[in-house]
N, C-alpha and C. Protein backbone atom coordinates (compact mmCIF):
# COMPACT_ATOMS: atom_id res chain seq x y z
N SER A 1 0.84 -1.20 0.00
CA SER A 1 0.00 0.00 0.00
C SER A 1 0.88 1.25 0.00
N MET A 2 0.35 2.31 -0.57
CA MET A 2 1.12 3.56 -0.66
C MET A 2 1.31 4.16 0.73
N PRO A 3 2.42 4.85 0.94
CA PRO A 3 2.61 5.52 2.22
C PRO A 3 1.50 6.56 2.44
N ASN A 4 1.06 6.64 3.63
CA ASN A 4 -0.03 7.55 3.95
C ASN A 4 0.50 8.99 3.97
N LYS A 5 0.05 9.79 3.01
CA LYS A 5 0.52 11.18 2.91
C LYS A 5 0.21 11.96 4.17
N PHE A 6 -0.94 11.63 4.74
CA PHE A 6 -1.38 12.32 5.95
C PHE A 6 -0.39 12.09 7.09
N THR A 7 0.05 10.82 7.25
CA THR A 7 1.01 10.50 8.32
C THR A 7 2.31 11.25 8.09
N CYS A 8 2.76 11.29 6.84
CA CYS A 8 4.01 12.01 6.53
C CYS A 8 3.89 13.47 6.92
N SER A 9 2.76 14.08 6.57
CA SER A 9 2.60 15.51 6.89
C SER A 9 2.53 15.71 8.41
N LEU A 10 1.96 14.74 9.11
CA LEU A 10 1.88 14.84 10.56
C LEU A 10 3.28 14.77 11.18
N VAL A 11 4.11 13.89 10.64
CA VAL A 11 5.48 13.76 11.14
C VAL A 11 6.24 15.06 10.92
N VAL A 12 6.11 15.64 9.73
CA VAL A 12 6.76 16.93 9.44
C VAL A 12 6.24 18.00 10.38
N ALA A 13 4.93 18.04 10.56
CA ALA A 13 4.32 19.04 11.44
C ALA A 13 4.83 18.89 12.87
N ALA A 14 4.92 17.64 13.32
CA ALA A 14 5.39 17.41 14.69
C ALA A 14 6.85 17.85 14.84
N ALA A 15 7.65 17.60 13.80
CA ALA A 15 9.06 18.01 13.86
C ALA A 15 9.19 19.52 13.92
N VAL A 16 8.39 20.20 13.10
CA VAL A 16 8.40 21.67 13.11
C VAL A 16 7.96 22.18 14.48
N LEU A 17 6.90 21.56 14.99
CA LEU A 17 6.37 21.99 16.28
C LEU A 17 7.41 21.81 17.37
N SER A 18 8.07 20.66 17.40
CA SER A 18 9.02 20.43 18.49
C SER A 18 10.22 21.35 18.37
N SER A 19 10.68 21.61 17.14
CA SER A 19 11.87 22.46 17.00
C SER A 19 11.56 23.91 17.33
N LEU A 20 10.38 24.36 16.98
CA LEU A 20 10.04 25.77 17.23
C LEU A 20 9.46 25.97 18.62
N ALA A 21 8.46 25.15 18.94
CA ALA A 21 7.72 25.41 20.17
C ALA A 21 8.54 25.15 21.41
N PHE A 22 9.50 24.22 21.34
CA PHE A 22 10.24 23.89 22.55
C PHE A 22 11.55 24.66 22.67
N ALA A 23 11.81 25.54 21.68
CA ALA A 23 13.05 26.33 21.76
C ALA A 23 12.90 27.39 22.85
N GLN A 24 13.88 27.48 23.74
CA GLN A 24 13.85 28.52 24.76
C GLN A 24 14.03 29.87 24.08
N ASN A 25 13.34 30.87 24.55
CA ASN A 25 13.60 32.19 23.97
C ASN A 25 14.86 32.77 24.58
N ASP A 26 15.39 33.84 23.96
CA ASP A 26 16.72 34.35 24.29
C ASP A 26 16.89 34.71 25.76
N LYS A 27 15.84 35.29 26.34
CA LYS A 27 15.98 35.74 27.72
C LYS A 27 15.85 34.59 28.72
N GLY A 28 15.53 33.40 28.21
CA GLY A 28 15.31 32.27 29.11
C GLY A 28 14.04 32.47 29.93
N ASN A 29 13.20 33.38 29.47
CA ASN A 29 11.96 33.68 30.18
C ASN A 29 10.92 32.64 29.78
N SER A 30 10.60 31.74 30.71
CA SER A 30 9.75 30.61 30.34
C SER A 30 8.26 30.93 30.43
N THR A 31 7.90 32.09 30.95
CA THR A 31 6.48 32.38 31.09
C THR A 31 5.91 33.04 29.83
N GLN A 32 6.79 33.58 29.01
CA GLN A 32 6.34 34.27 27.81
C GLN A 32 5.87 33.28 26.77
N LYS A 33 4.72 33.56 26.14
CA LYS A 33 4.25 32.69 25.08
C LYS A 33 4.99 33.04 23.80
N GLN A 34 5.35 32.02 23.04
CA GLN A 34 6.00 32.26 21.76
C GLN A 34 5.02 31.90 20.67
N LYS A 35 4.91 32.74 19.67
CA LYS A 35 4.01 32.41 18.57
C LYS A 35 4.61 32.89 17.27
N ILE A 36 4.56 32.06 16.27
CA ILE A 36 5.04 32.42 14.94
C ILE A 36 3.89 32.17 13.99
N VAL A 37 3.51 33.18 13.22
CA VAL A 37 2.43 33.02 12.24
C VAL A 37 2.93 33.53 10.90
N VAL A 38 2.74 32.75 9.87
CA VAL A 38 3.12 33.17 8.52
C VAL A 38 1.85 33.20 7.68
N GLU A 39 1.56 34.33 7.05
CA GLU A 39 0.39 34.44 6.19
C GLU A 39 0.84 34.57 4.75
N THR A 40 0.20 33.86 3.86
CA THR A 40 0.49 33.98 2.43
C THR A 40 -0.82 34.24 1.70
N ASP A 41 -0.75 34.39 0.38
CA ASP A 41 -1.97 34.63 -0.40
C ASP A 41 -2.93 33.45 -0.31
N THR A 42 -2.35 32.25 -0.18
CA THR A 42 -3.21 31.06 -0.22
C THR A 42 -3.61 30.57 1.16
N GLY A 43 -2.93 31.00 2.20
CA GLY A 43 -3.30 30.49 3.52
C GLY A 43 -2.35 31.00 4.57
N ARG A 44 -2.46 30.41 5.74
CA ARG A 44 -1.56 30.82 6.83
C ARG A 44 -1.16 29.59 7.61
N TYR A 45 0.01 29.67 8.20
CA TYR A 45 0.42 28.59 9.09
C TYR A 45 1.19 29.20 10.24
N GLY A 46 1.23 28.50 11.33
CA GLY A 46 1.90 29.05 12.49
C GLY A 46 2.11 28.01 13.56
N VAL A 47 2.87 28.43 14.56
CA VAL A 47 3.13 27.56 15.69
C VAL A 47 3.21 28.44 16.92
N GLY A 48 2.65 27.97 18.00
CA GLY A 48 2.73 28.71 19.26
C GLY A 48 3.18 27.79 20.36
N ALA A 49 4.07 28.27 21.20
CA ALA A 49 4.50 27.50 22.37
C ALA A 49 3.73 28.05 23.56
N GLU A 50 2.87 27.26 24.12
CA GLU A 50 2.03 27.74 25.20
C GLU A 50 1.55 26.55 26.01
N LYS A 51 1.13 26.81 27.21
CA LYS A 51 0.51 25.75 28.01
C LYS A 51 -0.92 25.61 27.52
N LEU A 52 -1.28 24.43 27.09
CA LEU A 52 -2.59 24.24 26.49
C LEU A 52 -3.64 23.93 27.55
N ASP A 53 -4.83 24.31 27.24
CA ASP A 53 -5.98 24.04 28.09
C ASP A 53 -6.43 22.59 27.84
N PRO A 54 -6.82 21.86 28.90
CA PRO A 54 -7.30 20.49 28.68
C PRO A 54 -8.44 20.41 27.65
N LYS A 55 -9.24 21.49 27.54
CA LYS A 55 -10.33 21.50 26.55
C LYS A 55 -9.77 21.40 25.14
N GLN A 56 -8.61 22.03 24.91
CA GLN A 56 -8.00 21.95 23.57
C GLN A 56 -7.49 20.54 23.28
N LEU A 57 -7.08 19.84 24.34
CA LEU A 57 -6.55 18.49 24.17
C LEU A 57 -7.65 17.43 24.15
N GLY A 58 -8.81 17.75 24.69
CA GLY A 58 -9.95 16.85 24.63
C GLY A 58 -9.98 15.75 25.67
N VAL A 59 -9.03 15.78 26.61
CA VAL A 59 -9.01 14.79 27.69
C VAL A 59 -8.58 15.49 28.98
N ALA A 60 -8.90 14.88 30.10
CA ALA A 60 -8.46 15.42 31.39
C ALA A 60 -6.96 15.17 31.56
N ILE A 61 -6.34 15.98 32.39
CA ILE A 61 -4.92 15.80 32.69
C ILE A 61 -4.81 14.84 33.87
N TYR A 62 -3.92 13.88 33.78
CA TYR A 62 -3.75 12.87 34.83
C TYR A 62 -3.48 13.56 36.17
N PRO A 63 -4.25 13.22 37.21
CA PRO A 63 -4.12 13.93 38.51
C PRO A 63 -2.70 13.89 39.06
N GLY A 64 -2.22 15.04 39.49
CA GLY A 64 -0.90 15.14 40.11
C GLY A 64 0.26 15.26 39.14
N SER A 65 -0.03 15.22 37.83
CA SER A 65 1.08 15.33 36.88
C SER A 65 1.41 16.80 36.65
N LYS A 66 2.63 17.05 36.15
CA LYS A 66 3.08 18.42 35.90
C LYS A 66 3.52 18.53 34.45
N VAL A 67 3.45 19.75 33.92
CA VAL A 67 3.99 19.98 32.58
C VAL A 67 5.48 19.66 32.63
N ALA A 68 5.97 18.94 31.62
CA ALA A 68 7.37 18.50 31.61
C ALA A 68 8.32 19.69 31.65
N GLU A 69 9.45 19.49 32.31
CA GLU A 69 10.45 20.55 32.43
C GLU A 69 11.55 20.35 31.42
N ASN A 70 12.28 21.42 31.16
CA ASN A 70 13.42 21.28 30.26
C ASN A 70 14.64 20.78 31.03
N LYS A 71 15.75 20.67 30.35
CA LYS A 71 16.94 20.06 30.97
C LYS A 71 17.46 20.84 32.18
N ASP A 72 17.19 22.16 32.20
CA ASP A 72 17.71 22.98 33.30
C ASP A 72 16.77 23.00 34.51
N ASN A 73 15.78 22.10 34.48
CA ASN A 73 14.79 22.01 35.56
C ASN A 73 14.00 23.29 35.75
N GLU A 74 13.98 24.13 34.72
CA GLU A 74 13.08 25.28 34.80
C GLU A 74 11.73 24.81 34.30
N SER A 75 10.70 25.20 35.02
CA SER A 75 9.37 24.84 34.56
C SER A 75 9.15 25.53 33.22
N LYS A 76 8.68 24.78 32.27
CA LYS A 76 8.57 25.33 30.92
C LYS A 76 7.31 24.77 30.27
N ASP A 77 6.64 25.59 29.50
CA ASP A 77 5.43 25.12 28.82
C ASP A 77 5.83 24.24 27.65
N ASN A 78 6.03 22.97 27.94
CA ASN A 78 6.54 22.03 26.94
C ASN A 78 5.40 21.55 26.07
N GLY A 79 4.86 22.47 25.29
CA GLY A 79 3.74 22.10 24.44
C GLY A 79 3.47 23.20 23.45
N GLY A 80 2.48 22.99 22.63
CA GLY A 80 2.18 24.03 21.66
C GLY A 80 1.06 23.64 20.73
N HIS A 81 0.79 24.55 19.82
CA HIS A 81 -0.30 24.41 18.87
C HIS A 81 0.26 24.78 17.51
N LEU A 82 0.20 23.84 16.59
CA LEU A 82 0.64 24.07 15.22
C LEU A 82 -0.60 24.11 14.34
N PHE A 83 -0.70 25.10 13.47
CA PHE A 83 -1.84 25.10 12.57
C PHE A 83 -1.43 25.43 11.15
N LEU A 84 -2.14 24.84 10.21
CA LEU A 84 -1.95 25.07 8.78
C LEU A 84 -3.34 25.29 8.20
N ASP A 85 -3.62 26.46 7.71
CA ASP A 85 -4.91 26.74 7.09
C ASP A 85 -4.68 27.15 5.64
N TRP A 86 -5.10 26.31 4.71
CA TRP A 86 -4.95 26.61 3.27
C TRP A 86 -6.33 26.59 2.66
N GLY A 87 -6.82 27.77 2.27
CA GLY A 87 -8.17 27.82 1.71
C GLY A 87 -9.16 27.28 2.71
N ARG A 88 -9.91 26.26 2.28
CA ARG A 88 -10.89 25.66 3.21
C ARG A 88 -10.34 24.45 3.94
N ASP A 89 -9.10 24.06 3.61
CA ASP A 89 -8.47 22.94 4.33
C ASP A 89 -7.74 23.46 5.56
N SER A 90 -7.81 22.71 6.62
CA SER A 90 -7.24 23.18 7.87
C SER A 90 -6.71 22.00 8.68
N THR A 91 -5.52 22.17 9.25
CA THR A 91 -4.96 21.16 10.15
C THR A 91 -4.51 21.85 11.43
N HIS A 92 -4.97 21.37 12.56
CA HIS A 92 -4.53 21.88 13.86
C HIS A 92 -3.96 20.72 14.66
N LEU A 93 -2.77 20.93 15.21
CA LEU A 93 -2.11 19.90 16.00
C LEU A 93 -1.79 20.50 17.36
N TYR A 94 -2.35 19.90 18.42
CA TYR A 94 -2.12 20.36 19.79
C TYR A 94 -1.28 19.31 20.51
N VAL A 95 -0.23 19.75 21.19
CA VAL A 95 0.66 18.81 21.89
C VAL A 95 1.02 19.38 23.26
N GLN A 96 0.95 18.55 24.29
CA GLN A 96 1.43 18.97 25.61
C GLN A 96 2.11 17.78 26.26
N LYS A 97 3.29 18.02 26.86
CA LYS A 97 4.06 16.95 27.51
C LYS A 97 3.98 17.10 29.03
N TYR A 98 3.86 15.97 29.71
CA TYR A 98 3.71 15.95 31.17
C TYR A 98 4.65 14.92 31.78
N ILE A 99 4.86 15.07 33.09
CA ILE A 99 5.57 14.04 33.85
C ILE A 99 4.75 13.72 35.10
N SER A 100 4.87 12.47 35.53
CA SER A 100 4.16 12.01 36.73
C SER A 100 5.05 11.03 37.47
N SER A 101 4.90 10.99 38.80
CA SER A 101 5.67 10.00 39.56
C SER A 101 4.96 8.65 39.59
N ASP A 102 3.76 8.57 39.02
CA ASP A 102 3.01 7.31 38.99
C ASP A 102 3.54 6.38 37.89
N SER A 103 3.09 5.12 37.97
CA SER A 103 3.55 4.12 37.00
C SER A 103 2.90 4.34 35.64
N ALA A 104 3.59 3.87 34.61
CA ALA A 104 3.05 3.96 33.24
C ALA A 104 1.72 3.22 33.15
N ASP A 105 1.59 2.09 33.84
CA ASP A 105 0.34 1.32 33.77
C ASP A 105 -0.85 2.12 34.28
N ASN A 106 -0.64 2.86 35.37
CA ASN A 106 -1.72 3.68 35.91
C ASN A 106 -2.15 4.74 34.90
N ILE A 107 -1.16 5.35 34.26
CA ILE A 107 -1.45 6.43 33.31
C ILE A 107 -2.13 5.86 32.06
N VAL A 108 -1.65 4.71 31.60
CA VAL A 108 -2.27 4.07 30.44
C VAL A 108 -3.73 3.72 30.73
N SER A 109 -4.01 3.16 31.90
CA SER A 109 -5.41 2.79 32.18
C SER A 109 -6.29 4.03 32.34
N PHE A 110 -5.74 5.10 32.92
CA PHE A 110 -6.49 6.36 33.04
C PHE A 110 -6.87 6.88 31.65
N TYR A 111 -5.89 6.92 30.73
CA TYR A 111 -6.16 7.48 29.41
C TYR A 111 -6.93 6.53 28.50
N ARG A 112 -6.83 5.21 28.74
CA ARG A 112 -7.66 4.29 27.97
C ARG A 112 -9.13 4.62 28.23
N LYS A 113 -9.44 4.88 29.51
CA LYS A 113 -10.81 5.24 29.88
C LYS A 113 -11.20 6.60 29.31
N GLN A 114 -10.28 7.59 29.43
CA GLN A 114 -10.54 8.94 28.90
C GLN A 114 -10.82 8.90 27.40
N LEU A 115 -10.00 8.16 26.67
CA LEU A 115 -10.10 8.16 25.21
C LEU A 115 -11.28 7.33 24.71
N SER A 116 -11.76 6.40 25.53
CA SER A 116 -12.83 5.50 25.07
C SER A 116 -14.11 6.26 24.73
N LYS A 117 -14.24 7.50 25.24
CA LYS A 117 -15.44 8.28 24.88
C LYS A 117 -15.44 8.67 23.40
N TYR A 118 -14.27 8.56 22.73
CA TYR A 118 -14.18 8.88 21.31
C TYR A 118 -14.28 7.65 20.42
N GLY A 119 -14.37 6.46 21.01
CA GLY A 119 -14.48 5.25 20.20
C GLY A 119 -13.53 4.17 20.68
N ALA A 120 -13.30 3.17 19.81
CA ALA A 120 -12.41 2.05 20.15
C ALA A 120 -10.98 2.54 20.17
N VAL A 121 -10.26 2.20 21.24
CA VAL A 121 -8.89 2.69 21.45
C VAL A 121 -7.89 1.64 20.95
N LEU A 122 -6.96 2.09 20.10
CA LEU A 122 -5.86 1.24 19.66
C LEU A 122 -4.71 1.43 20.64
N GLU A 123 -4.19 0.32 21.15
CA GLU A 123 -3.02 0.39 22.04
C GLU A 123 -1.82 -0.23 21.35
N CYS A 124 -0.71 0.51 21.35
CA CYS A 124 0.53 0.04 20.72
C CYS A 124 1.61 -0.01 21.78
N ARG A 125 2.42 -1.05 21.76
CA ARG A 125 3.60 -1.14 22.64
C ARG A 125 4.80 -1.44 21.77
N GLY A 126 5.80 -0.56 21.83
CA GLY A 126 6.97 -0.73 20.98
C GLY A 126 6.62 -0.73 19.50
N GLY A 127 5.58 0.02 19.12
CA GLY A 127 5.19 0.12 17.71
C GLY A 127 4.35 -1.03 17.20
N LYS A 128 3.94 -1.97 18.08
CA LYS A 128 3.12 -3.10 17.67
C LYS A 128 1.75 -3.03 18.36
N PRO A 129 0.68 -3.31 17.61
CA PRO A 129 -0.64 -3.25 18.23
C PRO A 129 -0.85 -4.37 19.25
N VAL A 130 -1.41 -4.03 20.40
CA VAL A 130 -1.77 -5.06 21.38
C VAL A 130 -3.28 -5.12 21.57
N THR A 131 -4.00 -4.26 20.85
CA THR A 131 -5.47 -4.37 20.81
C THR A 131 -5.85 -4.45 19.34
N ALA A 132 -7.07 -4.86 19.07
CA ALA A 132 -7.54 -4.98 17.69
C ALA A 132 -7.47 -3.62 17.00
N ASP A 133 -7.28 -3.66 15.71
CA ASP A 133 -7.19 -2.43 14.91
C ASP A 133 -8.45 -1.60 15.13
N ALA A 134 -8.27 -0.37 15.57
CA ALA A 134 -9.40 0.51 15.87
C ALA A 134 -9.54 1.54 14.76
N ALA A 135 -10.66 1.52 14.06
CA ALA A 135 -10.97 2.53 13.04
C ALA A 135 -9.82 2.74 12.06
N LYS A 136 -9.14 1.64 11.69
CA LYS A 136 -8.05 1.68 10.71
C LYS A 136 -6.85 2.52 11.13
N LEU A 137 -6.76 2.86 12.41
CA LEU A 137 -5.56 3.56 12.87
C LEU A 137 -4.41 2.57 12.91
N LYS A 138 -3.20 3.08 12.71
CA LYS A 138 -2.01 2.22 12.69
C LYS A 138 -1.05 2.64 13.79
N CYS A 139 -0.27 1.68 14.25
CA CYS A 139 0.79 1.99 15.20
C CYS A 139 1.95 2.64 14.45
N ASP A 140 2.53 3.68 15.05
CA ASP A 140 3.77 4.21 14.51
C ASP A 140 4.88 3.26 14.93
N ASN A 141 5.95 3.24 14.18
CA ASN A 141 7.06 2.37 14.55
C ASN A 141 7.77 2.96 15.76
N GLY A 142 7.50 2.41 16.92
CA GLY A 142 8.12 2.92 18.14
C GLY A 142 9.59 2.56 18.18
N ASP A 143 10.43 3.49 18.60
CA ASP A 143 11.86 3.23 18.70
C ASP A 143 12.17 2.33 19.88
N ASP A 144 11.35 2.42 20.90
CA ASP A 144 11.67 1.80 22.17
C ASP A 144 10.57 0.82 22.54
N ASP A 145 10.95 -0.37 22.97
CA ASP A 145 9.96 -1.37 23.37
C ASP A 145 9.11 -0.91 24.54
N ASN A 146 9.63 0.04 25.33
CA ASN A 146 8.88 0.51 26.49
C ASN A 146 7.83 1.56 26.14
N ASP A 147 7.90 2.11 24.93
CA ASP A 147 6.93 3.14 24.54
C ASP A 147 5.55 2.54 24.38
N ILE A 148 4.57 3.24 24.95
CA ILE A 148 3.17 2.81 24.84
C ILE A 148 2.41 3.96 24.20
N GLU A 149 1.55 3.63 23.24
CA GLU A 149 0.78 4.66 22.56
C GLU A 149 -0.68 4.25 22.52
N LEU A 150 -1.54 5.19 22.85
CA LEU A 150 -2.98 4.99 22.73
C LEU A 150 -3.50 5.94 21.66
N LYS A 151 -4.34 5.43 20.76
CA LYS A 151 -4.89 6.26 19.69
C LYS A 151 -6.37 5.99 19.57
N VAL A 152 -7.11 7.03 19.21
CA VAL A 152 -8.55 6.84 19.00
C VAL A 152 -9.04 7.86 17.99
N GLY A 153 -10.13 7.51 17.34
CA GLY A 153 -10.80 8.48 16.48
C GLY A 153 -10.58 8.21 15.02
N PRO A 154 -11.38 8.88 14.17
CA PRO A 154 -11.12 8.79 12.74
C PRO A 154 -9.78 9.46 12.43
N GLU A 155 -9.23 9.14 11.27
CA GLU A 155 -7.88 9.58 10.93
C GLU A 155 -7.71 11.09 11.07
N ARG A 156 -8.75 11.86 10.75
CA ARG A 156 -8.60 13.32 10.76
C ARG A 156 -9.00 13.97 12.08
N LYS A 157 -9.41 13.17 13.05
CA LYS A 157 -9.72 13.73 14.38
C LYS A 157 -9.13 12.77 15.40
N GLN A 158 -7.81 12.71 15.44
CA GLN A 158 -7.14 11.71 16.28
C GLN A 158 -6.76 12.28 17.64
N HIS A 159 -7.04 11.50 18.66
CA HIS A 159 -6.51 11.77 20.00
C HIS A 159 -5.46 10.71 20.27
N ILE A 160 -4.26 11.15 20.66
CA ILE A 160 -3.15 10.23 20.89
C ILE A 160 -2.52 10.54 22.24
N VAL A 161 -2.21 9.51 23.00
CA VAL A 161 -1.44 9.68 24.23
C VAL A 161 -0.24 8.74 24.14
N GLY A 162 0.96 9.32 24.22
CA GLY A 162 2.18 8.53 24.21
C GLY A 162 2.76 8.48 25.61
N VAL A 163 3.08 7.28 26.08
CA VAL A 163 3.52 7.09 27.47
C VAL A 163 4.89 6.40 27.47
N THR A 164 5.84 6.97 28.23
CA THR A 164 7.18 6.39 28.33
C THR A 164 7.59 6.28 29.79
N PRO A 165 7.83 5.05 30.29
CA PRO A 165 8.32 4.90 31.67
C PRO A 165 9.72 5.50 31.79
N THR A 166 10.00 6.16 32.91
CA THR A 166 11.34 6.72 33.16
C THR A 166 11.82 6.22 34.52
N ALA A 167 13.05 6.54 34.85
CA ALA A 167 13.61 6.11 36.14
C ALA A 167 12.82 6.70 37.30
N ARG A 168 12.27 7.92 37.10
CA ARG A 168 11.59 8.59 38.22
C ARG A 168 10.07 8.59 38.10
N GLY A 169 9.54 7.80 37.19
CA GLY A 169 8.09 7.79 37.02
C GLY A 169 7.74 7.59 35.56
N THR A 170 6.95 8.52 35.03
CA THR A 170 6.45 8.38 33.66
C THR A 170 6.38 9.73 32.98
N GLU A 171 6.79 9.76 31.72
CA GLU A 171 6.56 10.94 30.88
C GLU A 171 5.43 10.58 29.93
N PHE A 172 4.56 11.55 29.66
CA PHE A 172 3.54 11.27 28.65
C PHE A 172 3.21 12.55 27.90
N ALA A 173 2.80 12.35 26.66
CA ALA A 173 2.43 13.46 25.79
C ALA A 173 1.01 13.24 25.31
N ILE A 174 0.24 14.32 25.32
CA ILE A 174 -1.13 14.26 24.82
C ILE A 174 -1.16 15.03 23.51
N VAL A 175 -1.71 14.41 22.49
CA VAL A 175 -1.77 15.02 21.16
C VAL A 175 -3.21 14.99 20.67
N TYR A 176 -3.66 16.10 20.11
CA TYR A 176 -4.95 16.11 19.42
C TYR A 176 -4.73 16.68 18.03
N LEU A 177 -5.11 15.91 17.04
CA LEU A 177 -5.00 16.33 15.65
C LEU A 177 -6.40 16.57 15.11
N ASP A 178 -6.63 17.74 14.56
CA ASP A 178 -7.95 18.09 14.02
C ASP A 178 -7.74 18.59 12.59
N GLN A 179 -8.20 17.81 11.64
CA GLN A 179 -7.99 18.15 10.24
C GLN A 179 -9.33 18.21 9.52
N THR A 180 -9.56 19.29 8.79
CA THR A 180 -10.78 19.40 8.00
C THR A 180 -10.42 19.68 6.54
N LYS A 181 -11.20 19.07 5.66
CA LYS A 181 -11.03 19.28 4.23
C LYS A 181 -12.23 20.08 3.74
N GLY A 182 -11.99 21.14 2.98
CA GLY A 182 -13.06 22.02 2.54
C GLY A 182 -14.07 21.38 1.63
N ASN A 183 -13.66 20.29 0.94
CA ASN A 183 -14.58 19.69 -0.04
C ASN A 183 -15.42 18.57 0.56
N GLU A 184 -15.37 18.40 1.86
CA GLU A 184 -16.15 17.30 2.49
C GLU A 184 -17.45 17.82 3.05
């Protein structure tokens, strides 16, 4: 089967988001929101580094977890919103990273329940599905056998939670992808 163009664009979008949104600004001031917007004749695209509201992510935040910190242990809004609007087509990608001292299993079961309101949840461990294929969603090739990913929703309205056990607990990222096509 042909490579999914949508997945490729999502990977590019995520790379842009992580490189821009997670870059510290010059003053090292972590409270300032960073936003870059580019407008052209045909559309606009942009990225903002900000602490996202749970409503934007579509799920509750795991109790007691904190927004992930950067390497210097400064609290930092490790998340952002990437958008691409071309004519009537639109893609919005929301990402927020968290850390918790709880086990990965606790976080996975919490988010399995949270995501189930959107439909059948696909669970991937190390890039391999451990639940039946849900709504034709596919596992990404996980680099690490310890990585756990939960996905739900139709391809253009995906909620994803990625969970990675660490020495001091668990890191997890919540992603919401919202894509609309003008001709639908």
